[in-house]
C-alpha cells in the first residue's frame, strides 16, 4: 500500500496523517452499509447505534480524553446512521506517552461508546464531491497524478483528503508547480476543507 501523506492542501495544517487508512466498501453515492474493516479495527467506519444514549457515552469519553491530556479534543460526531468522526487533529502534537495515559485512563469509556479516538467514518458524498473538484482543479493546474477521492479515501476532519506518495510531486510542498496549483485552487481547496469539518460531517 502506498504511503499516505497529508500535505495540508485543504487547510494550512502540517504533519503526517494517522497511519491507519480505512478500507471501506460501498459506492460514492451514499454511505456504505458497513466497512470492510472489522469493528475492532475501526468501529467508527461501521453504521450502527445512533441513539442519544450512545451520543452521551461519546461525550463522557471525550470529557475523559480532555481531562487526561487533550484539553481541546472535541466531542466525536455521531451521524444519524451511526458513523463516528473524531477530532484527530487535536491529538497530533501529543507524545506516545501522553496518548498512552489517555488510553489507559479512558479505554473503558471509549469501549463503551464503541469508537476509536483517531479513526473516521467513511467520507460522505458531499465531501467526496468537494474532493473531486479539488482534484480536477489540481490536475488542470499541472499536477496530472492527482486522483479523484472515493469512499475508500483517507481524510482528516478539517484538513480534507490525504495524498498518496505517487500524487505528490518531487520536492513535496516546496515544489513550485504544487505551490502555484494550490494558489490557483485555493477557494476550491478551502471548500473541501470546510466540507471535511466536524460540523459539516455531522450534517452530512
Protein backbone atom coordinates (compact mmCIF):
# COMPACT_ATOMS: atom_id res chain seq x y z
CA UNK A 1 0.00 0.00 0.00
CA UNK A 2 1.31 3.44 -0.86
CA UNK A 3 2.30 5.76 1.91
CA UNK A 4 -0.42 8.28 2.70
CA UNK A 5 0.55 11.88 3.28
CA UNK A 6 -1.45 14.86 4.44
CA UNK A 7 0.14 17.91 2.94
CA UNK A 8 -2.42 20.41 4.10
CA UNK A 9 -3.82 21.39 0.71
CA UNK A 10 -7.31 21.98 2.01
CA UNK A 11 -6.02 23.84 5.05
CA UNK A 12 -2.81 25.17 6.47
CA UNK A 13 -2.00 22.25 8.78
CA UNK A 14 1.18 20.22 8.60
CA UNK A 15 2.29 16.78 9.65
CA UNK A 16 1.52 13.24 8.57
CA UNK A 17 -1.91 11.77 8.82
CA UNK A 18 -2.77 8.88 11.06
CA UNK A 19 -1.10 5.73 9.75
CA UNK A 20 -4.40 3.87 9.91
CA UNK A 21 -6.01 4.04 6.46
CA UNK A 22 -9.66 2.95 6.46
CA UNK A 23 -10.51 0.29 3.89
CA UNK A 24 -14.20 0.77 3.28
CA UNK A 25 -16.73 -0.83 0.99
CA UNK A 26 -19.57 0.83 -0.88
CA UNK A 27 -20.27 3.38 -3.59
CA UNK A 28 -19.55 7.07 -3.55
CA UNK A 29 -23.24 7.90 -3.94
CA UNK A 30 -24.15 7.05 -0.36
CA UNK A 31 -22.67 5.86 2.87
CA UNK A 32 -21.70 2.20 2.68
CA UNK A 33 -23.75 -0.06 4.92
CA UNK A 34 -20.60 -1.37 6.57
CA UNK A 35 -16.84 -1.05 6.34
CA UNK A 36 -14.50 -3.70 5.02
CA UNK A 37 -12.58 -3.38 8.26
CA UNK A 38 -13.94 -5.03 11.37
CA UNK A 39 -15.40 -3.12 14.28
CA UNK A 40 -12.26 -3.94 16.26
CA UNK A 41 -10.13 -2.21 13.59
CA UNK A 42 -12.29 0.85 13.15
CA UNK A 43 -15.73 0.88 14.79
CA UNK A 44 -16.19 4.45 13.50
CA UNK A 45 -16.48 3.14 9.94
CA UNK A 46 -19.44 0.87 10.56
CA UNK A 47 -23.06 2.02 10.58
CA UNK A 48 -24.67 1.30 13.93
CA UNK A 49 -26.15 2.77 17.07
CA UNK A 50 -27.11 6.42 16.61
CA UNK A 51 -29.06 6.73 19.84
CA UNK A 52 -28.99 9.59 22.31
CA UNK A 53 -27.54 7.13 24.83
CA UNK A 54 -24.53 6.48 22.61
CA UNK A 55 -24.10 10.21 22.00
CA UNK A 56 -23.96 10.69 25.76
CA UNK A 57 -21.33 7.94 26.03
CA UNK A 58 -19.25 9.65 23.34
CA UNK A 59 -19.46 12.91 25.28
CA UNK A 60 -18.39 11.21 28.51
CA UNK A 61 -15.43 9.55 26.78
CA UNK A 62 -14.41 12.87 25.20
CA UNK A 63 -14.55 14.54 28.61
CA UNK A 64 -12.16 11.90 29.92
CA UNK A 65 -9.81 12.47 26.96
CA UNK A 66 -9.84 16.21 27.63
CA UNK A 67 -9.19 15.74 31.33
CA UNK A 68 -6.23 13.42 30.76
CA UNK A 69 -4.09 15.41 28.37
CA UNK A 70 -6.01 16.66 25.31
CA UNK A 71 -7.96 19.69 26.60
CA UNK A 72 -9.04 20.81 23.13
CA UNK A 73 -10.40 17.43 22.00
CA UNK A 74 -13.90 17.93 20.61
CA UNK A 75 -16.76 15.53 21.15
CA UNK A 76 -16.91 12.94 18.37
CA UNK A 77 -19.64 13.49 15.80
CA UNK A 78 -22.30 10.78 15.61
CA UNK A 79 -24.34 10.75 12.41
CA UNK A 80 -27.96 9.66 12.04
CA UNK A 81 -26.82 6.36 10.54
CA UNK A 82 -24.32 5.63 13.30
CA UNK A 83 -20.96 6.63 11.83
CA UNK A 84 -18.46 8.42 14.05
CA UNK A 85 -15.98 11.17 13.13
CA UNK A 86 -13.31 12.31 15.54
CA UNK A 87 -11.07 15.27 16.31
CA UNK A 88 -7.82 13.62 15.20
CA UNK A 89 -6.07 16.97 14.69
CA UNK A 90 -6.11 17.89 18.39
CA UNK A 91 -4.19 14.68 19.21
CA UNK A 92 -1.38 15.18 16.71
CA UNK A 93 1.01 17.05 18.94
CA UNK A 94 0.72 14.57 21.80
CA UNK A 95 3.58 12.19 22.52
CA UNK A 96 3.16 8.43 22.62
CA UNK A 97 3.41 8.61 26.40
CA UNK A 98 0.63 11.19 26.57
CA UNK A 99 -1.58 9.09 24.31
CA UNK A 100 -0.88 6.06 26.49
CA UNK A 101 -2.02 7.97 29.57
CA UNK A 102 -5.27 8.91 27.82
CA UNK A 103 -5.85 5.38 26.57
CA UNK A 104 -5.24 3.82 29.97
CA UNK A 105 -7.50 6.31 31.74
CA UNK A 106 -10.32 6.34 29.21
CA UNK A 107 -10.29 2.97 27.47
CA UNK A 108 -13.36 1.64 29.29
CA UNK A 109 -15.38 4.73 28.36
CA UNK A 110 -14.10 4.63 24.78
CA UNK A 111 -15.03 0.96 24.53
CA UNK A 112 -18.49 1.64 25.98
CA UNK A 113 -19.07 4.31 23.31
CA UNK A 114 -17.74 1.95 20.60
CA UNK A 115 -15.38 4.29 18.84
CA UNK A 116 -11.67 4.84 18.18
CA UNK A 117 -10.06 8.19 19.09
CA UNK A 118 -8.28 8.78 15.78
CA UNK A 119 -10.20 6.84 13.12
CA UNK A 120 -13.02 8.13 10.94
CA UNK A 121 -16.24 7.01 9.37
CA UNK A 122 -16.38 6.92 5.58
CA UNK A 123 -16.24 10.24 3.71
CA UNK A 124 -19.82 11.26 2.92
CA UNK A 125 -20.94 12.10 -0.63
CA UNK A 126 -20.71 15.89 -0.13
CA UNK A 127 -17.08 15.60 0.95
CA UNK A 128 -16.21 13.26 -1.90
CA UNK A 129 -17.79 15.71 -4.36
CA UNK A 130 -15.74 18.57 -2.89
CA UNK A 131 -12.59 16.45 -3.11
CA UNK A 132 -13.27 15.59 -6.74
CA UNK A 133 -13.49 19.30 -7.56
CA UNK A 134 -10.16 19.87 -5.82
CA UNK A 135 -8.51 17.03 -7.73
CA UNK A 136 -9.89 18.31 -11.04
CA UNK A 137 -8.50 21.77 -10.33
CA UNK A 138 -5.09 20.47 -9.32
CA UNK A 139 -4.88 18.33 -12.47
CA UNK A 140 -5.84 21.32 -14.56
CA UNK A 141 -3.01 23.29 -12.96
CA UNK A 142 -0.13 20.98 -13.78
CA UNK A 143 -0.49 18.02 -11.40
CA UNK A 144 -1.83 15.14 -13.52
CA UNK A 145 -1.31 12.48 -10.84
CA UNK A 146 -3.99 13.83 -8.52
CA UNK A 147 -6.73 11.20 -8.21
CA UNK A 148 -10.40 11.73 -7.51
CA UNK A 149 -11.19 10.61 -3.96
CA UNK A 150 -13.62 7.77 -3.34
CA UNK A 151 -15.43 6.31 -0.34
CA UNK A 152 -12.21 4.37 0.32
CA UNK A 153 -10.04 7.50 0.54
CA UNK A 154 -8.45 8.57 3.82
CA UNK A 155 -9.22 12.06 5.13
CA UNK A 156 -8.71 14.10 8.27
CA UNK A 157 -11.60 16.20 9.61
CA UNK A 158 -10.87 19.87 8.98
CA UNK A 159 -8.00 19.05 6.62
CA UNK A 160 -9.60 17.20 3.74
CA UNK A 161 -8.25 14.20 1.84
CA UNK A 162 -4.75 12.86 2.21
CA UNK A 163 -2.49 12.16 -0.75
CA UNK A 164 -0.64 9.01 -1.65
CA UNK A 165 3.07 9.37 -2.30
CA UNK A 166 2.64 8.99 -6.07
CA UNK A 167 0.36 12.03 -6.15
CA UNK A 168 2.93 14.33 -4.54
CA UNK A 169 5.42 15.88 -7.00
CA UNK A 170 9.18 15.83 -6.35
CA UNK A 171 10.02 18.24 -3.56
CA UNK A 172 6.62 17.96 -1.92
CA UNK A 173 5.25 21.22 -0.55
CA UNK A 174 8.27 23.10 -1.86
CA UNK A 175 7.60 22.13 -5.48
CA UNK A 176 6.81 25.38 -7.36
CA UNK A 177 4.18 23.70 -9.57
CA UNK A 178 2.39 22.47 -6.47
CA UNK A 179 2.59 25.90 -4.86
CA UNK A 180 1.13 27.58 -7.95
CA UNK A 181 -1.63 24.98 -8.19
CA UNK A 182 -2.54 25.43 -4.54
CA UNK A 183 -2.74 29.19 -5.04
CA UNK A 184 -4.90 28.81 -8.15
CA UNK A 185 -7.21 26.29 -6.49
CA UNK A 186 -7.33 27.85 -3.02
CA UNK A 187 -11.11 28.58 -2.93
CA UNK A 188 -11.88 25.03 -4.08
CA UNK A 189 -9.42 23.51 -1.62
CA UNK A 190 -10.90 25.62 1.18
CA UNK A 191 -14.35 24.31 0.25
CA UNK A 192 -13.04 20.75 0.58
CA UNK A 193 -11.56 21.60 3.98
CA UNK A 194 -14.88 23.07 5.11
CA UNK A 195 -16.78 20.00 3.87
CA UNK A 196 -14.47 17.83 5.98
CA UNK A 197 -15.02 19.77 9.22
CA UNK A 198 -16.69 18.00 12.11
CA UNK A 199 -19.61 20.40 11.87
CA UNK A 200 -20.19 19.56 8.22
CA UNK A 201 -19.75 15.83 8.81
CA UNK A 202 -22.40 15.96 11.50
CA UNK A 203 -24.93 17.25 8.96
CA UNK A 204 -23.88 15.05 6.02
